[in-house]
Amino acid sequence: MKPRTRRFAWIAAGLAVLGLAAALVLNAFQSNLVFFFTPSQVAAKEAPQGRAFRIGGMVVAGSLAREPDTLTVRFRVTDTAQTVPVVYTGLLPDLFREGKGVVAQGSLGPDGVFRATEVLAKHDENYMPPDAKSAIESARNGSTTATSMKSLRTGSGEKP
C-alpha cells in the first residue's frame, strides 16, 4: 500500500471514530435532557406523556398527605392558575413545606397524576428557580404560553 493511501485510510478511520464518539455523546446528552413545565402547561397537555420532565411551583397548603406505614406522599403543586396532583415515594428534603416552592422530576400518568422520582426543595426563603418564578408570574397574568420550556440537565449538581 502506498504511503498516500495508508495516510488516507488513517484519516478516514480517525474521522469515523470521532463521528462515533460525537454520536455517543449526543445520545447521552439527549437521554439526560429533562424539560421544565408548569402546572398550567401540564393542564394544557403541553407536557410529554410517558417521558420524564420536571414540574415546578408551590406546594398547595393543606394538600400534603402521607400514606400510613409507607414512604409514599401525596401533594398538589400549583402555579396559582392550575394545580397538578403529585405522588412521591421516598424521603422528602428537609426544606420541603406546604406553601413553599418545589420542583419534582418524574412522569405524568394516564390518570393525570404526576409520579415523581425526585423532589427538590428550595435552599432558603428567598430563592425560587428562575423557570418556576417566571411561570408563576405569567400564570398570575393569565398567560400560560409566555413561559417557554427550559431544559434542565439532570445530574448537573445544581439544586433549586
Protein backbone atom coordinates (compact mmCIF):
# COMPACT_ATOMS: atom_id res chain seq x y z
CA MET A 1 0.00 0.00 0.00
CA LYS A 2 1.31 3.40 -0.93
CA PRO A 3 2.03 5.88 1.87
CA ARG A 4 -0.56 8.25 0.45
CA THR A 5 -3.29 5.56 0.53
CA ARG A 6 -2.28 4.48 4.04
CA ARG A 7 -2.44 8.09 5.27
CA PHE A 8 -5.90 8.49 3.71
CA ALA A 9 -7.06 5.26 5.44
CA TRP A 10 -5.83 6.55 8.83
CA ILE A 11 -7.57 9.87 8.32
CA ALA A 12 -10.83 8.13 7.33
CA ALA A 13 -10.60 5.80 10.35
CA GLY A 14 -9.93 8.76 12.67
CA LEU A 15 -12.93 10.66 11.31
CA ALA A 16 -15.11 7.55 11.74
CA VAL A 17 -14.01 7.18 15.39
CA LEU A 18 -14.57 10.89 16.00
CA GLY A 19 -18.05 10.69 14.45
CA LEU A 20 -18.94 7.67 16.59
CA ALA A 21 -17.73 9.43 19.75
CA ALA A 22 -19.78 12.53 18.90
CA ALA A 23 -22.89 10.38 18.29
CA LEU A 24 -22.46 8.64 21.65
CA VAL A 25 -22.01 11.94 23.49
CA LEU A 26 -25.08 13.48 21.85
CA ASN A 27 -27.14 10.38 22.62
CA ALA A 28 -26.10 10.51 26.29
CA PHE A 29 -26.92 14.21 26.43
CA GLN A 30 -30.36 13.62 24.89
CA SER A 31 -31.19 10.91 27.44
CA ASN A 32 -30.24 13.26 30.31
CA LEU A 33 -32.21 16.21 28.97
CA VAL A 34 -35.26 16.99 31.09
CA PHE A 35 -37.72 19.77 30.28
CA PHE A 36 -39.44 22.02 32.80
CA PHE A 37 -43.21 22.52 32.70
CA THR A 38 -45.62 24.48 34.86
CA PRO A 39 -48.92 23.08 36.14
CA SER A 40 -50.72 25.28 33.57
CA GLN A 41 -48.68 23.73 30.75
CA VAL A 42 -49.38 20.24 32.11
CA ALA A 43 -53.12 21.00 32.28
CA ALA A 44 -52.97 22.30 28.69
CA LYS A 45 -51.44 18.92 27.69
CA GLU A 46 -48.15 20.51 26.56
CA ALA A 47 -46.16 18.09 28.73
CA PRO A 48 -44.99 14.79 27.21
CA GLN A 49 -46.86 11.59 28.09
CA GLY A 50 -44.65 8.73 29.22
CA ARG A 51 -41.42 10.78 29.22
CA ALA A 52 -39.64 12.27 32.22
CA PHE A 53 -39.91 16.01 32.82
CA ARG A 54 -39.84 18.46 35.72
CA ILE A 55 -42.80 20.29 37.16
CA GLY A 56 -42.36 23.28 39.43
CA GLY A 57 -44.46 25.60 41.50
CA MET A 58 -45.74 25.98 45.02
CA VAL A 59 -46.98 23.15 47.26
CA VAL A 60 -50.67 23.81 47.96
CA ALA A 61 -51.25 24.41 51.68
CA GLY A 62 -53.19 21.56 53.26
CA SER A 63 -52.57 19.16 50.38
CA LEU A 64 -49.75 17.11 51.92
CA ALA A 65 -50.93 13.61 52.83
CA ARG A 66 -48.70 10.75 53.95
CA GLU A 67 -49.83 7.17 53.50
CA PRO A 68 -49.55 5.20 56.75
CA ASP A 69 -46.65 2.75 57.13
CA THR A 70 -45.06 3.75 53.80
CA LEU A 71 -42.85 6.50 52.45
CA THR A 72 -45.49 7.48 49.89
CA VAL A 73 -46.53 11.12 49.98
CA ARG A 74 -49.27 12.90 48.02
CA PHE A 75 -49.41 16.65 47.49
CA ARG A 76 -50.50 19.18 44.90
CA VAL A 77 -48.32 21.66 43.01
CA THR A 78 -49.75 24.94 41.73
CA ASP A 79 -48.69 27.96 39.72
CA THR A 80 -51.74 29.83 41.09
CA ALA A 81 -53.68 29.14 37.87
CA GLN A 82 -53.71 25.32 37.71
CA THR A 83 -52.98 22.51 40.14
CA VAL A 84 -51.42 19.09 39.48
CA PRO A 85 -51.53 16.17 41.96
CA VAL A 86 -48.15 14.59 42.70
CA VAL A 87 -47.29 11.19 44.22
CA TYR A 88 -43.79 10.52 45.52
CA THR A 89 -42.33 7.53 47.32
CA GLY A 90 -39.20 8.29 49.27
CA LEU A 91 -37.77 10.72 51.76
CA LEU A 92 -38.64 14.36 51.22
CA PRO A 93 -35.98 17.06 51.54
CA ASP A 94 -35.75 18.75 54.93
CA LEU A 95 -36.80 22.09 53.43
CA PHE A 96 -39.97 20.67 51.82
CA ARG A 97 -43.01 22.51 53.24
CA GLU A 98 -46.56 23.36 52.25
CA GLY A 99 -46.78 26.81 50.69
CA LYS A 100 -43.14 26.71 49.58
CA GLY A 101 -41.52 26.26 46.18
CA VAL A 102 -40.78 22.80 44.86
CA VAL A 103 -39.51 21.14 41.69
CA ALA A 104 -40.40 17.49 41.12
CA GLN A 105 -38.99 15.24 38.43
CA GLY A 106 -40.92 12.27 37.09
CA SER A 107 -43.61 11.47 34.56
CA LEU A 108 -47.30 12.07 34.11
CA GLY A 109 -49.55 9.05 34.43
CA PRO A 110 -52.59 8.42 32.25
CA ASP A 111 -54.79 9.41 35.19
CA GLY A 112 -53.29 12.91 35.27
CA VAL A 113 -51.26 12.27 38.43
CA PHE A 114 -47.58 13.21 38.29
CA ARG A 115 -45.46 10.35 39.63
CA ALA A 116 -42.28 11.91 40.96
CA THR A 117 -38.98 10.09 41.18
CA GLU A 118 -37.19 13.06 42.74
CA VAL A 119 -38.36 16.06 44.75
CA LEU A 120 -36.21 19.16 45.15
CA ALA A 121 -36.92 21.92 47.65
CA LYS A 122 -35.60 25.45 47.58
CA HIS A 123 -32.50 26.41 49.54
CA ASP A 124 -33.68 29.41 51.51
CA GLU A 125 -36.72 31.61 51.92
CA ASN A 126 -35.77 33.97 49.07
CA TYR A 127 -34.74 31.52 46.38
CA MET A 128 -37.02 30.14 43.67
CA PRO A 129 -35.86 28.55 40.42
CA PRO A 130 -35.99 31.22 37.67
CA ASP A 131 -38.21 28.98 35.50
CA ALA A 132 -40.69 28.45 38.32
CA LYS A 133 -40.69 32.13 39.25
CA SER A 134 -41.42 33.29 35.70
CA ALA A 135 -44.05 30.55 35.32
CA ILE A 136 -45.88 31.68 38.44
CA GLU A 137 -45.73 35.32 37.34
CA SER A 138 -47.07 34.51 33.88
CA ALA A 139 -49.82 32.33 35.37
CA ARG A 140 -50.88 35.24 37.59
CA ASN A 141 -51.08 37.40 34.48
CA GLY A 142 -53.18 34.76 32.71
CA SER A 143 -50.58 33.88 30.09
CA THR A 144 -49.70 30.16 30.07
CA THR A 145 -47.71 30.27 26.84
CA ALA A 146 -45.48 33.16 27.84
CA THR A 147 -43.24 30.78 29.71
CA SER A 148 -41.16 28.78 27.29
CA MET A 149 -39.79 25.37 28.10
CA LYS A 150 -36.40 25.44 29.67
CA SER A 151 -34.18 22.42 29.55
CA LEU A 152 -32.55 21.42 32.77
CA ARG A 153 -29.83 18.87 32.78
CA THR A 154 -30.09 16.14 35.40
CA GLY A 155 -27.07 15.39 37.44
CA SER A 156 -25.59 18.82 36.97
CA GLY A 157 -25.22 19.32 40.70
CA GLU A 158 -27.49 22.32 40.70
CA LYS A 159 -30.34 22.13 43.15
CA PRO A 160 -33.14 24.66 43.23
